[in-house]
Amino acid sequence: MPFADTSTYKLPPSILDEQAVMLSDILPTSYEVGVLNGAVRPADAVAIVGAGPIGLAATLTSRLFSPRLVIVIDTADSRLQMAKHFGADETLNPTRDDINARVRALTDELGADVVIEAVGVPETFELCTELVRPGGHVANVGVHGKPASLALDKLWAADLTITTGLVDTYSTPTLLQMVASRQIDAAPFVTHHYQLDHIVSAYDTFARAADTNALKVVITK
């Protein structure tokens, strides 16, 4: 393993293997690129667009900074139910909710202090720029395959900070200690288990997450 001396960590006995798997990807990604880059602070209103594993991990880790309000937005009601379990105060579904109006009503008409994009399509990124308050922060975590527009004619005077980036995993030692001490619980991300000889079924389950309610699928021997 290249650079193993600087990128591997000894697991405390209290951490299960499947919890450690979550520490290799979704938890450091959401924590670093979403919560830390977004500069979540105590008493902030945080809106998270997307309730997949990354969005739910951002919901969980944003709670470490004592925001007053965490709003999670997604089109799948099953994911919104999971978001409540991971610490969301409010959940909104754009197929039936006026997202802009609801977020402003929940934030004294100002908008969210921090908005985390966890989908990776132009529409959700542009929505994030509409939901953030003047002087607020948009942290883009989603991986985009198409360009997204910035409405600078509307945003130029809002004094926004927009951050993007890939995970560096510098937070892994911290997250390890938080999982070991039960400050955060990584176990609920694992919703399905399959043995290696059923890996095709495992991929199918994960591919149909909206139907199967899958978050993360663990493969064992």
N, C-alpha and C. Protein backbone atom coordinates (compact mmCIF):
# COMPACT_ATOMS: atom_id res chain seq x y z
N MET A 1 0.85 -1.19 0.00
CA MET A 1 0.00 0.00 0.00
C MET A 1 0.89 1.25 0.00
N PRO A 2 0.87 2.02 -1.07
CA PRO A 2 1.72 3.22 -1.12
C PRO A 2 1.41 4.18 0.03
N PHE A 3 2.45 4.72 0.64
CA PHE A 3 2.32 5.72 1.71
C PHE A 3 1.55 5.20 2.92
N ALA A 4 1.60 3.91 3.15
CA ALA A 4 0.86 3.33 4.27
C ALA A 4 1.31 3.89 5.61
N ASP A 5 2.57 4.31 5.68
CA ASP A 5 3.08 4.82 6.95
C ASP A 5 2.46 6.15 7.33
N THR A 6 1.83 6.85 6.37
CA THR A 6 1.20 8.14 6.68
C THR A 6 -0.30 8.12 6.48
N SER A 7 -0.87 6.99 6.10
CA SER A 7 -2.31 6.99 5.81
C SER A 7 -3.05 5.81 6.43
N THR A 8 -2.42 5.08 7.31
CA THR A 8 -3.11 4.00 8.02
C THR A 8 -3.12 4.30 9.51
N TYR A 9 -4.14 3.80 10.18
CA TYR A 9 -4.32 4.09 11.61
C TYR A 9 -4.70 2.81 12.33
N LYS A 10 -4.18 2.64 13.50
CA LYS A 10 -4.53 1.50 14.33
C LYS A 10 -5.92 1.72 14.91
N LEU A 11 -6.77 0.73 14.75
CA LEU A 11 -8.14 0.87 15.24
C LEU A 11 -8.20 0.56 16.73
N PRO A 12 -8.85 1.43 17.50
CA PRO A 12 -9.10 1.10 18.90
C PRO A 12 -9.96 -0.16 19.00
N PRO A 13 -9.82 -0.94 20.03
CA PRO A 13 -10.60 -2.19 20.16
C PRO A 13 -12.11 -1.97 20.14
N SER A 14 -12.55 -0.79 20.53
CA SER A 14 -14.00 -0.54 20.62
C SER A 14 -14.65 -0.25 19.28
N ILE A 15 -13.87 -0.10 18.20
CA ILE A 15 -14.43 0.22 16.89
C ILE A 15 -14.61 -1.05 16.08
N LEU A 16 -15.83 -1.30 15.62
CA LEU A 16 -16.11 -2.45 14.78
C LEU A 16 -15.57 -2.20 13.37
N ASP A 17 -15.31 -3.29 12.65
CA ASP A 17 -14.78 -3.16 11.29
C ASP A 17 -15.71 -2.34 10.40
N GLU A 18 -17.02 -2.56 10.50
CA GLU A 18 -17.92 -1.83 9.61
C GLU A 18 -18.04 -0.35 9.98
N GLN A 19 -17.79 -0.01 11.24
CA GLN A 19 -17.69 1.41 11.59
C GLN A 19 -16.44 2.02 10.95
N ALA A 20 -15.36 1.26 10.95
CA ALA A 20 -14.11 1.75 10.37
C ALA A 20 -14.25 2.00 8.87
N VAL A 21 -15.07 1.20 8.20
CA VAL A 21 -15.30 1.41 6.77
C VAL A 21 -15.92 2.79 6.52
N MET A 22 -16.82 3.21 7.38
CA MET A 22 -17.43 4.53 7.22
C MET A 22 -16.39 5.65 7.42
N LEU A 23 -15.37 5.35 8.20
CA LEU A 23 -14.31 6.34 8.44
C LEU A 23 -13.36 6.47 7.25
N SER A 24 -13.47 5.55 6.31
CA SER A 24 -12.59 5.62 5.14
C SER A 24 -13.15 6.50 4.05
N ASP A 25 -14.40 6.95 4.19
CA ASP A 25 -15.02 7.67 3.07
C ASP A 25 -16.01 8.73 3.53
N ILE A 26 -17.23 8.31 3.87
CA ILE A 26 -18.30 9.29 4.00
C ILE A 26 -18.12 10.23 5.19
N LEU A 27 -17.62 9.72 6.30
CA LEU A 27 -17.49 10.59 7.47
C LEU A 27 -16.43 11.67 7.28
N PRO A 28 -15.20 11.36 6.86
CA PRO A 28 -14.25 12.45 6.64
C PRO A 28 -14.65 13.37 5.50
N THR A 29 -15.29 12.84 4.47
CA THR A 29 -15.70 13.69 3.35
C THR A 29 -16.72 14.72 3.81
N SER A 30 -17.77 14.27 4.47
CA SER A 30 -18.81 15.21 4.90
C SER A 30 -18.29 16.16 5.97
N TYR A 31 -17.46 15.63 6.86
CA TYR A 31 -16.95 16.45 7.97
C TYR A 31 -15.99 17.52 7.46
N GLU A 32 -15.05 17.15 6.62
CA GLU A 32 -14.04 18.11 6.15
C GLU A 32 -14.59 19.06 5.08
N VAL A 33 -15.15 18.48 4.00
CA VAL A 33 -15.55 19.29 2.86
C VAL A 33 -16.88 20.01 3.11
N GLY A 34 -17.72 19.41 3.95
CA GLY A 34 -19.00 20.04 4.25
C GLY A 34 -18.99 20.87 5.51
N VAL A 35 -18.80 20.22 6.66
CA VAL A 35 -18.98 20.90 7.95
C VAL A 35 -17.83 21.84 8.28
N LEU A 36 -16.59 21.37 8.13
CA LEU A 36 -15.45 22.22 8.48
C LEU A 36 -15.23 23.32 7.44
N ASN A 37 -15.25 22.96 6.16
CA ASN A 37 -15.11 24.00 5.14
C ASN A 37 -16.27 24.99 5.18
N GLY A 38 -17.45 24.49 5.55
CA GLY A 38 -18.61 25.37 5.67
C GLY A 38 -18.60 26.22 6.92
N ALA A 39 -17.66 25.95 7.82
CA ALA A 39 -17.48 26.75 9.04
C ALA A 39 -18.74 26.79 9.89
N VAL A 40 -19.34 25.61 10.12
CA VAL A 40 -20.51 25.54 10.99
C VAL A 40 -20.12 25.97 12.40
N ARG A 41 -20.93 26.83 13.00
CA ARG A 41 -20.65 27.35 14.33
C ARG A 41 -21.87 27.18 15.23
N PRO A 42 -21.66 27.29 16.56
CA PRO A 42 -22.80 27.20 17.46
C PRO A 42 -23.90 28.21 17.10
N ALA A 43 -25.13 27.76 17.19
CA ALA A 43 -26.33 28.57 16.92
C ALA A 43 -26.57 28.85 15.45
N ASP A 44 -25.78 28.25 14.56
CA ASP A 44 -26.04 28.42 13.12
C ASP A 44 -27.30 27.66 12.71
N ALA A 45 -27.90 28.14 11.63
CA ALA A 45 -28.92 27.38 10.91
C ALA A 45 -28.22 26.72 9.72
N VAL A 46 -28.29 25.41 9.64
CA VAL A 46 -27.60 24.65 8.61
C VAL A 46 -28.64 23.96 7.73
N ALA A 47 -28.51 24.12 6.41
CA ALA A 47 -29.37 23.42 5.46
C ALA A 47 -28.49 22.46 4.65
N ILE A 48 -28.93 21.22 4.54
CA ILE A 48 -28.18 20.20 3.81
C ILE A 48 -29.06 19.71 2.67
N VAL A 49 -28.59 19.89 1.44
CA VAL A 49 -29.35 19.50 0.26
C VAL A 49 -28.83 18.14 -0.20
N GLY A 50 -29.66 17.12 0.00
CA GLY A 50 -29.28 15.76 -0.34
C GLY A 50 -29.16 14.91 0.91
N ALA A 51 -29.94 13.83 0.98
CA ALA A 51 -29.93 12.97 2.17
C ALA A 51 -29.44 11.57 1.84
N GLY A 52 -28.46 11.50 0.93
CA GLY A 52 -27.74 10.26 0.74
C GLY A 52 -26.76 10.07 1.87
N PRO A 53 -25.88 9.07 1.78
CA PRO A 53 -24.92 8.83 2.86
C PRO A 53 -24.07 10.04 3.22
N ILE A 54 -23.63 10.80 2.22
CA ILE A 54 -22.82 11.99 2.50
C ILE A 54 -23.65 13.05 3.20
N GLY A 55 -24.86 13.31 2.72
CA GLY A 55 -25.71 14.31 3.36
C GLY A 55 -26.07 13.92 4.78
N LEU A 56 -26.32 12.63 5.00
CA LEU A 56 -26.64 12.17 6.35
C LEU A 56 -25.42 12.25 7.26
N ALA A 57 -24.24 11.97 6.71
CA ALA A 57 -23.01 12.11 7.50
C ALA A 57 -22.75 13.57 7.84
N ALA A 58 -23.09 14.47 6.93
CA ALA A 58 -22.98 15.90 7.22
C ALA A 58 -23.98 16.32 8.30
N THR A 59 -25.16 15.73 8.27
CA THR A 59 -26.16 15.99 9.31
C THR A 59 -25.61 15.57 10.67
N LEU A 60 -25.05 14.37 10.72
CA LEU A 60 -24.52 13.84 11.97
C LEU A 60 -23.36 14.69 12.50
N THR A 61 -22.40 15.00 11.63
CA THR A 61 -21.20 15.70 12.10
C THR A 61 -21.43 17.19 12.31
N SER A 62 -22.42 17.77 11.65
CA SER A 62 -22.72 19.18 11.92
C SER A 62 -23.20 19.36 13.36
N ARG A 63 -23.81 18.32 13.92
CA ARG A 63 -24.30 18.39 15.29
C ARG A 63 -23.18 18.55 16.31
N LEU A 64 -21.96 18.22 15.92
CA LEU A 64 -20.82 18.39 16.82
C LEU A 64 -20.59 19.85 17.19
N PHE A 65 -21.12 20.78 16.36
CA PHE A 65 -20.88 22.22 16.57
C PHE A 65 -22.10 22.95 17.09
N SER A 66 -23.07 22.22 17.58
CA SER A 66 -24.24 22.78 18.26
C SER A 66 -25.00 23.82 17.43
N PRO A 67 -25.36 23.50 16.18
CA PRO A 67 -26.22 24.43 15.45
C PRO A 67 -27.60 24.49 16.08
N ARG A 68 -28.28 25.60 15.91
CA ARG A 68 -29.62 25.70 16.49
C ARG A 68 -30.66 24.97 15.64
N LEU A 69 -30.33 24.77 14.36
CA LEU A 69 -31.31 24.21 13.44
C LEU A 69 -30.57 23.48 12.31
N VAL A 70 -30.99 22.25 12.03
CA VAL A 70 -30.46 21.51 10.88
C VAL A 70 -31.65 21.11 10.01
N ILE A 71 -31.64 21.57 8.77
CA ILE A 71 -32.70 21.29 7.81
C ILE A 71 -32.12 20.38 6.73
N VAL A 72 -32.79 19.28 6.44
CA VAL A 72 -32.34 18.36 5.39
C VAL A 72 -33.38 18.32 4.29
N ILE A 73 -32.91 18.39 3.05
CA ILE A 73 -33.79 18.49 1.88
C ILE A 73 -33.51 17.32 0.94
N ASP A 74 -34.55 16.60 0.55
CA ASP A 74 -34.39 15.48 -0.38
C ASP A 74 -35.75 15.16 -0.98
N THR A 75 -35.74 14.46 -2.11
CA THR A 75 -36.99 14.08 -2.75
C THR A 75 -37.50 12.71 -2.29
N ALA A 76 -36.69 11.97 -1.53
CA ALA A 76 -37.09 10.63 -1.07
C ALA A 76 -37.50 10.69 0.39
N ASP A 77 -38.76 10.37 0.66
CA ASP A 77 -39.24 10.42 2.04
C ASP A 77 -38.51 9.43 2.94
N SER A 78 -38.10 8.29 2.40
CA SER A 78 -37.39 7.31 3.22
C SER A 78 -36.06 7.89 3.71
N ARG A 79 -35.39 8.65 2.85
CA ARG A 79 -34.14 9.28 3.26
C ARG A 79 -34.39 10.40 4.28
N LEU A 80 -35.48 11.09 4.12
CA LEU A 80 -35.80 12.16 5.08
C LEU A 80 -36.12 11.57 6.46
N GLN A 81 -36.74 10.40 6.50
CA GLN A 81 -36.96 9.74 7.78
C GLN A 81 -35.64 9.36 8.43
N MET A 82 -34.69 8.89 7.62
CA MET A 82 -33.36 8.58 8.14
C MET A 82 -32.66 9.84 8.66
N ALA A 83 -32.88 10.96 7.95
CA ALA A 83 -32.25 12.22 8.36
C ALA A 83 -32.67 12.61 9.77
N LYS A 84 -33.91 12.34 10.12
CA LYS A 84 -34.36 12.62 11.49
C LYS A 84 -33.55 11.82 12.49
N HIS A 85 -33.27 10.58 12.15
CA HIS A 85 -32.48 9.71 13.04
C HIS A 85 -31.06 10.25 13.21
N PHE A 86 -30.52 10.86 12.15
CA PHE A 86 -29.15 11.34 12.18
C PHE A 86 -29.03 12.77 12.73
N GLY A 87 -30.16 13.38 13.11
CA GLY A 87 -30.07 14.67 13.79
C GLY A 87 -30.74 15.84 13.13
N ALA A 88 -31.51 15.63 12.06
CA ALA A 88 -32.21 16.73 11.41
C ALA A 88 -33.36 17.22 12.28
N ASP A 89 -33.50 18.53 12.38
CA ASP A 89 -34.65 19.12 13.08
C ASP A 89 -35.85 19.24 12.17
N GLU A 90 -35.60 19.57 10.91
CA GLU A 90 -36.66 19.75 9.92
C GLU A 90 -36.26 19.02 8.64
N THR A 91 -37.23 18.42 7.97
CA THR A 91 -36.98 17.79 6.68
C THR A 91 -37.97 18.35 5.67
N LEU A 92 -37.48 18.59 4.46
CA LEU A 92 -38.29 19.18 3.41
C LEU A 92 -38.15 18.37 2.13
N ASN A 93 -39.26 18.23 1.41
CA ASN A 93 -39.28 17.50 0.16
C ASN A 93 -39.72 18.45 -0.94
N PRO A 94 -38.84 18.74 -1.92
CA PRO A 94 -39.19 19.72 -2.96
C PRO A 94 -40.33 19.30 -3.86
N THR A 95 -40.75 18.03 -3.80
CA THR A 95 -41.89 17.63 -4.61
C THR A 95 -43.21 18.14 -4.03
N ARG A 96 -43.17 18.57 -2.76
CA ARG A 96 -44.41 19.09 -2.17
C ARG A 96 -44.20 20.36 -1.35
N ASP A 97 -42.94 20.68 -1.01
CA ASP A 97 -42.66 21.87 -0.21
C ASP A 97 -42.05 22.97 -1.06
N ASP A 98 -42.41 24.22 -0.77
CA ASP A 98 -41.73 25.37 -1.35
C ASP A 98 -40.44 25.57 -0.54
N ILE A 99 -39.33 25.06 -1.04
CA ILE A 99 -38.10 25.00 -0.27
C ILE A 99 -37.62 26.38 0.14
N ASN A 100 -37.58 27.30 -0.80
CA ASN A 100 -37.10 28.65 -0.48
C ASN A 100 -37.96 29.30 0.60
N ALA A 101 -39.26 29.20 0.44
CA ALA A 101 -40.16 29.83 1.41
C ALA A 101 -40.05 29.18 2.78
N ARG A 102 -39.95 27.86 2.83
CA ARG A 102 -39.88 27.16 4.11
C ARG A 102 -38.57 27.45 4.83
N VAL A 103 -37.46 27.46 4.10
CA VAL A 103 -36.18 27.74 4.75
C VAL A 103 -36.17 29.16 5.29
N ARG A 104 -36.69 30.09 4.55
CA ARG A 104 -36.71 31.47 5.04
C ARG A 104 -37.65 31.61 6.24
N ALA A 105 -38.76 30.91 6.23
CA ALA A 105 -39.66 30.96 7.37
C ALA A 105 -39.01 30.38 8.62
N LEU A 106 -38.15 29.41 8.45
CA LEU A 106 -37.47 28.78 9.58
C LEU A 106 -36.26 29.57 10.07
N THR A 107 -35.84 30.56 9.29
CA THR A 107 -34.61 31.30 9.62
C THR A 107 -34.86 32.81 9.71
N ASP A 108 -36.04 33.19 10.16
CA ASP A 108 -36.37 34.61 10.32
C ASP A 108 -36.21 35.39 9.02
N GLU A 109 -36.52 34.72 7.90
CA GLU A 109 -36.47 35.31 6.56
C GLU A 109 -35.05 35.66 6.10
N LEU A 110 -34.03 35.16 6.79
CA LEU A 110 -32.65 35.49 6.43
C LEU A 110 -32.01 34.47 5.50
N GLY A 111 -32.39 33.21 5.62
CA GLY A 111 -31.69 32.13 4.94
C GLY A 111 -30.75 31.42 5.90
N ALA A 112 -30.24 30.29 5.48
CA ALA A 112 -29.37 29.48 6.34
C ALA A 112 -27.97 30.08 6.42
N ASP A 113 -27.34 29.94 7.57
CA ASP A 113 -25.96 30.41 7.73
C ASP A 113 -24.99 29.58 6.89
N VAL A 114 -25.24 28.27 6.86
CA VAL A 114 -24.41 27.33 6.10
C VAL A 114 -25.32 26.42 5.29
N VAL A 115 -25.02 26.28 4.01
CA VAL A 115 -25.76 25.35 3.16
C VAL A 115 -24.75 24.36 2.57
N ILE A 116 -25.00 23.09 2.75
CA ILE A 116 -24.11 22.04 2.27
C ILE A 116 -24.76 21.32 1.10
N GLU A 117 -24.08 21.32 -0.03
CA GLU A 117 -24.57 20.64 -1.24
C GLU A 117 -24.02 19.23 -1.26
N ALA A 118 -24.90 18.22 -1.25
CA ALA A 118 -24.46 16.83 -1.16
C ALA A 118 -25.11 15.96 -2.22
N VAL A 119 -25.34 16.54 -3.41
CA VAL A 119 -25.94 15.78 -4.50
C VAL A 119 -25.01 15.75 -5.71
N GLY A 120 -24.68 16.94 -6.23
CA GLY A 120 -23.76 17.00 -7.36
C GLY A 120 -24.42 17.22 -8.70
N VAL A 121 -25.53 17.95 -8.73
CA VAL A 121 -26.16 18.33 -10.00
C VAL A 121 -26.36 19.84 -9.99
N PRO A 122 -26.43 20.47 -11.18
CA PRO A 122 -26.53 21.93 -11.22
C PRO A 122 -27.70 22.48 -10.43
N GLU A 123 -28.85 21.80 -10.50
CA GLU A 123 -30.05 22.33 -9.84
C GLU A 123 -29.88 22.43 -8.33
N THR A 124 -29.24 21.45 -7.73
CA THR A 124 -29.08 21.49 -6.28
C THR A 124 -28.04 22.51 -5.85
N PHE A 125 -26.97 22.66 -6.65
CA PHE A 125 -25.99 23.70 -6.32
C PHE A 125 -26.63 25.08 -6.41
N GLU A 126 -27.38 25.31 -7.46
CA GLU A 126 -28.03 26.61 -7.62
C GLU A 126 -29.06 26.85 -6.52
N LEU A 127 -29.76 25.78 -6.09
CA LEU A 127 -30.68 25.92 -4.96
C LEU A 127 -29.93 26.36 -3.71
N CYS A 128 -28.76 25.80 -3.49
CA CYS A 128 -27.97 26.16 -2.30
C CYS A 128 -27.66 27.66 -2.27
N THR A 129 -27.34 28.21 -3.43
CA THR A 129 -27.02 29.64 -3.47
C THR A 129 -28.25 30.51 -3.22
N GLU A 130 -29.44 29.92 -3.37
CA GLU A 130 -30.67 30.65 -3.08
C GLU A 130 -31.06 30.55 -1.61
N LEU A 131 -30.61 29.50 -0.95
CA LEU A 131 -31.03 29.25 0.43
C LEU A 131 -30.12 29.91 1.46
N VAL A 132 -28.92 30.31 1.06
CA VAL A 132 -27.95 30.84 2.02
C VAL A 132 -28.23 32.31 2.32
N ARG A 133 -27.96 32.71 3.52
CA ARG A 133 -28.17 34.10 3.94
C ARG A 133 -27.01 34.97 3.45
N PRO A 134 -27.20 36.29 3.38
CA PRO A 134 -26.07 37.18 3.09
C PRO A 134 -24.97 36.99 4.13
N GLY A 135 -23.74 36.88 3.65
CA GLY A 135 -22.63 36.62 4.55
C GLY A 135 -22.46 35.17 4.91
N GLY A 136 -23.29 34.30 4.34
CA GLY A 136 -23.25 32.88 4.68
C GLY A 136 -22.27 32.10 3.85
N HIS A 137 -22.35 30.78 3.98
CA HIS A 137 -21.36 29.90 3.40
C HIS A 137 -22.05 28.75 2.68
N VAL A 138 -21.65 28.51 1.43
CA VAL A 138 -22.09 27.33 0.68
C VAL A 138 -20.90 26.39 0.56
N ALA A 139 -21.03 25.19 1.10
CA ALA A 139 -19.98 24.18 1.02
C ALA A 139 -20.42 23.09 0.05
N ASN A 140 -19.75 23.00 -1.08
CA ASN A 140 -20.11 22.01 -2.08
C ASN A 140 -19.34 20.73 -1.84
N VAL A 141 -20.07 19.63 -1.58
CA VAL A 141 -19.46 18.32 -1.38
C VAL A 141 -19.73 17.42 -2.58
N GLY A 142 -20.89 17.59 -3.22
CA GLY A 142 -21.27 16.73 -4.33
C GLY A 142 -20.28 16.82 -5.49
N VAL A 143 -20.13 15.71 -6.20
CA VAL A 143 -19.24 15.64 -7.37
C VAL A 143 -20.06 15.95 -8.61
N HIS A 144 -19.71 17.02 -9.30
CA HIS A 144 -20.50 17.50 -10.43
C HIS A 144 -19.94 17.01 -11.76
N GLY A 145 -20.85 16.55 -12.62
CA GLY A 145 -20.45 16.14 -13.96
C GLY A 145 -20.84 17.14 -15.02
N LYS A 146 -21.57 18.19 -14.62
CA LYS A 146 -22.00 19.23 -15.55
C LYS A 146 -21.77 20.60 -14.92
N PRO A 147 -21.62 21.64 -15.74
CA PRO A 147 -21.44 22.99 -15.19
C PRO A 147 -22.69 23.45 -14.45
N ALA A 148 -22.48 24.28 -13.45
CA ALA A 148 -23.58 24.91 -12.73
C ALA A 148 -23.42 26.42 -12.86
N SER A 149 -24.54 27.12 -12.86
CA SER A 149 -24.52 28.57 -13.05
C SER A 149 -24.43 29.30 -11.71
N LEU A 150 -23.72 30.40 -11.72
CA LEU A 150 -23.69 31.31 -10.58
C LEU A 150 -24.40 32.59 -10.98
N ALA A 151 -25.50 32.90 -10.31
CA ALA A 151 -26.27 34.10 -10.63
C ALA A 151 -25.61 35.32 -9.99
N LEU A 152 -24.49 35.71 -10.53
CA LEU A 152 -23.72 36.80 -9.91
C LEU A 152 -24.47 38.13 -9.93
N ASP A 153 -25.43 38.27 -10.84
CA ASP A 153 -26.22 39.50 -10.84
C ASP A 153 -27.03 39.63 -9.55
N LYS A 154 -27.32 38.49 -8.91
CA LYS A 154 -28.05 38.50 -7.64
C LYS A 154 -27.13 38.29 -6.44
N LEU A 155 -26.01 37.60 -6.66
CA LEU A 155 -25.17 37.20 -5.54
C LEU A 155 -24.01 38.16 -5.26
N TRP A 156 -23.72 39.08 -6.17
CA TRP A 156 -22.48 39.84 -6.08
C TRP A 156 -22.38 40.65 -4.79
N ALA A 157 -23.51 41.09 -4.26
CA ALA A 157 -23.48 41.92 -3.05
C ALA A 157 -23.77 41.13 -1.77
N ALA A 158 -23.89 39.80 -1.88
CA ALA A 158 -24.31 39.01 -0.72
C ALA A 158 -23.15 38.60 0.17
N ASP A 159 -21.91 38.83 -0.26
CA ASP A 159 -20.74 38.52 0.57
C ASP A 159 -20.71 37.04 0.96
N LEU A 160 -20.96 36.18 -0.03
CA LEU A 160 -20.99 34.75 0.22
C LEU A 160 -19.59 34.15 0.14
N THR A 161 -19.40 33.04 0.83
CA THR A 161 -18.22 32.21 0.67
C THR A 161 -18.67 30.87 0.11
N ILE A 162 -18.06 30.46 -1.00
CA ILE A 162 -18.38 29.18 -1.63
C ILE A 162 -17.11 28.34 -1.65
N THR A 163 -17.17 27.16 -1.08
CA THR A 163 -16.00 26.29 -1.04
C THR A 163 -16.30 24.97 -1.76
N THR A 164 -15.27 24.42 -2.35
CA THR A 164 -15.35 23.10 -2.98
C THR A 164 -14.09 22.33 -2.59
N GLY A 165 -14.00 21.10 -3.02
CA GLY A 165 -12.76 20.38 -2.78
C GLY A 165 -12.96 18.89 -2.59
N LEU A 166 -11.84 18.17 -2.61
CA LEU A 166 -11.84 16.74 -2.34
C LEU A 166 -11.39 16.51 -0.90
N VAL A 167 -11.79 15.38 -0.36
CA VAL A 167 -11.43 15.07 1.02
C VAL A 167 -9.94 14.78 1.12
N ASP A 168 -9.31 15.28 2.18
CA ASP A 168 -7.89 15.01 2.45
C ASP A 168 -7.70 13.93 3.51
N THR A 169 -8.73 13.62 4.25
CA THR A 169 -8.74 12.66 5.37
C THR A 169 -7.80 13.06 6.51
N TYR A 170 -7.51 14.35 6.64
CA TYR A 170 -6.70 14.79 7.78
C TYR A 170 -7.47 14.64 9.09
N SER A 171 -8.80 14.51 8.99
CA SER A 171 -9.63 14.42 10.20
C SER A 171 -9.80 12.99 10.70
N THR A 172 -9.23 12.01 10.00
CA THR A 172 -9.44 10.61 10.38
C THR A 172 -9.07 10.31 11.83
N PRO A 173 -7.91 10.77 12.34
CA PRO A 173 -7.61 10.48 13.76
C PRO A 173 -8.65 11.05 14.71
N THR A 174 -9.13 12.25 14.42
CA THR A 174 -10.16 12.86 15.26
C THR A 174 -11.46 12.06 15.20
N LEU A 175 -11.86 11.69 13.99
CA LEU A 175 -13.09 10.92 13.84
C LEU A 175 -12.98 9.55 14.50
N LEU A 176 -11.81 8.93 14.42
CA LEU A 176 -11.59 7.66 15.10
C LEU A 176 -11.87 7.78 16.59
N GLN A 177 -11.34 8.84 17.18
CA GLN A 177 -11.54 9.04 18.61
C GLN A 177 -13.00 9.34 18.93
N MET A 178 -13.68 10.08 18.06
CA MET A 178 -15.08 10.39 18.31
C MET A 178 -15.96 9.15 18.20
N VAL A 179 -15.66 8.28 17.27
CA VAL A 179 -16.41 7.03 17.16
C VAL A 179 -16.10 6.13 18.36
N ALA A 180 -14.83 6.04 18.73
CA ALA A 180 -14.43 5.18 19.85
C ALA A 180 -15.06 5.64 21.16
N SER A 181 -15.21 6.95 21.32
CA SER A 181 -15.79 7.49 22.56
C SER A 181 -17.30 7.67 22.47
N ARG A 182 -17.88 7.24 21.34
CA ARG A 182 -19.33 7.29 21.10
C ARG A 182 -19.87 8.72 21.02
N GLN A 183 -19.01 9.67 20.66
CA GLN A 183 -19.50 11.01 20.36
C GLN A 183 -20.30 11.02 19.07
N ILE A 184 -19.91 10.17 18.14
CA ILE A 184 -20.69 9.95 16.92
C ILE A 184 -20.84 8.45 16.72
N ASP A 185 -21.94 8.06 16.09
CA ASP A 185 -22.24 6.65 15.89
C ASP A 185 -22.24 6.36 14.39
N ALA A 186 -21.25 5.60 13.95
CA ALA A 186 -21.14 5.28 12.52
C ALA A 186 -21.94 4.05 12.12
N ALA A 187 -22.37 3.27 13.08
CA ALA A 187 -23.02 1.99 12.78
C ALA A 187 -24.31 2.12 11.96
N PRO A 188 -25.18 3.11 12.20
CA PRO A 188 -26.45 3.15 11.47
C PRO A 188 -26.32 3.38 9.96
N PHE A 189 -25.13 3.77 9.49
CA PHE A 189 -24.97 3.93 8.04
C PHE A 189 -25.03 2.58 7.32
N VAL A 190 -24.71 1.51 8.01
CA VAL A 190 -24.72 0.18 7.40
C VAL A 190 -26.13 -0.39 7.50
N THR A 191 -26.80 -0.49 6.37
CA THR A 191 -28.18 -0.95 6.36
C THR A 191 -28.33 -2.38 5.81
N HIS A 192 -27.32 -2.86 5.08
CA HIS A 192 -27.42 -4.18 4.48
C HIS A 192 -26.07 -4.91 4.57
N HIS A 193 -26.15 -6.22 4.72
CA HIS A 193 -24.97 -7.07 4.75
C HIS A 193 -25.12 -8.18 3.72
N TYR A 194 -24.06 -8.44 2.97
CA TYR A 194 -24.05 -9.55 2.02
C TYR A 194 -22.71 -10.27 2.11
N GLN A 195 -22.75 -11.55 1.82
CA GLN A 195 -21.50 -12.29 1.68
C GLN A 195 -20.96 -12.10 0.26
N LEU A 196 -19.67 -12.40 0.10
CA LEU A 196 -19.00 -12.11 -1.17
C LEU A 196 -19.65 -12.84 -2.34
N ASP A 197 -20.16 -14.04 -2.12
CA ASP A 197 -20.76 -14.78 -3.23
C ASP A 197 -22.14 -14.24 -3.63
N HIS A 198 -22.62 -13.22 -2.91
CA HIS A 198 -23.87 -12.55 -3.29
C HIS A 198 -23.61 -11.08 -3.66
N ILE A 199 -22.44 -10.82 -4.17
CA ILE A 199 -22.06 -9.44 -4.43
C ILE A 199 -22.92 -8.79 -5.52
N VAL A 200 -23.41 -9.59 -6.48
CA VAL A 200 -24.28 -9.03 -7.52
C VAL A 200 -25.57 -8.50 -6.90
N SER A 201 -26.12 -9.26 -5.97
CA SER A 201 -27.32 -8.80 -5.27
C SER A 201 -27.03 -7.55 -4.44
N ALA A 202 -25.83 -7.50 -3.86
CA ALA A 202 -25.45 -6.33 -3.07
C ALA A 202 -25.41 -5.08 -3.94
N TYR A 203 -24.81 -5.19 -5.13
CA TYR A 203 -24.76 -4.04 -6.04
C TYR A 203 -26.16 -3.63 -6.47
N ASP A 204 -27.03 -4.61 -6.71
CA ASP A 204 -28.40 -4.30 -7.11
C ASP A 204 -29.14 -3.56 -5.99
N THR A 205 -28.94 -4.02 -4.76
CA THR A 205 -29.57 -3.36 -3.61
C THR A 205 -29.11 -1.91 -3.50
N PHE A 206 -27.81 -1.69 -3.67
CA PHE A 206 -27.28 -0.33 -3.55
C PHE A 206 -27.73 0.54 -4.72
N ALA A 207 -27.83 -0.04 -5.91
CA ALA A 207 -28.25 0.72 -7.08
C ALA A 207 -29.71 1.16 -6.98
N ARG A 208 -30.52 0.41 -6.24
CA ARG A 208 -31.94 0.74 -6.08
C ARG A 208 -32.20 1.28 -4.68
N ALA A 209 -31.33 2.18 -4.24
CA ALA A 209 -31.40 2.66 -2.86
C ALA A 209 -32.75 3.29 -2.52
N ALA A 210 -33.36 3.95 -3.49
CA ALA A 210 -34.65 4.59 -3.22
C ALA A 210 -35.72 3.57 -2.88
N ASP A 211 -35.61 2.36 -3.45
CA ASP A 211 -36.58 1.30 -3.19
C ASP A 211 -36.18 0.43 -1.99
N THR A 212 -34.88 0.22 -1.83
CA THR A 212 -34.41 -0.71 -0.79
C THR A 212 -34.06 -0.01 0.52
N ASN A 213 -34.05 1.33 0.52
CA ASN A 213 -33.65 2.11 1.70
C ASN A 213 -32.19 1.84 2.10
N ALA A 214 -31.38 1.50 1.12
CA ALA A 214 -29.97 1.22 1.40
C ALA A 214 -29.18 2.50 1.59
N LEU A 215 -28.35 2.52 2.60
CA LEU A 215 -27.35 3.58 2.74
C LEU A 215 -25.99 3.04 2.35
N LYS A 216 -25.44 2.14 3.16
CA LYS A 216 -24.18 1.49 2.83
C LYS A 216 -24.36 -0.02 2.95
N VAL A 217 -23.77 -0.73 2.01
CA VAL A 217 -23.85 -2.18 1.96
C VAL A 217 -22.48 -2.75 2.29
N VAL A 218 -22.40 -3.60 3.29
CA VAL A 218 -21.14 -4.20 3.69
C VAL A 218 -21.04 -5.61 3.13
N ILE A 219 -19.88 -5.88 2.50
CA ILE A 219 -19.61 -7.21 1.95
C ILE A 219 -18.64 -7.94 2.88
N THR A 220 -18.99 -9.17 3.24
CA THR A 220 -18.10 -9.99 4.04
C THR A 220 -17.79 -11.28 3.29
N LYS A 221 -16.86 -12.04 3.79
CA LYS A 221 -16.47 -13.29 3.13
C LYS A 221 -17.64 -14.28 3.13
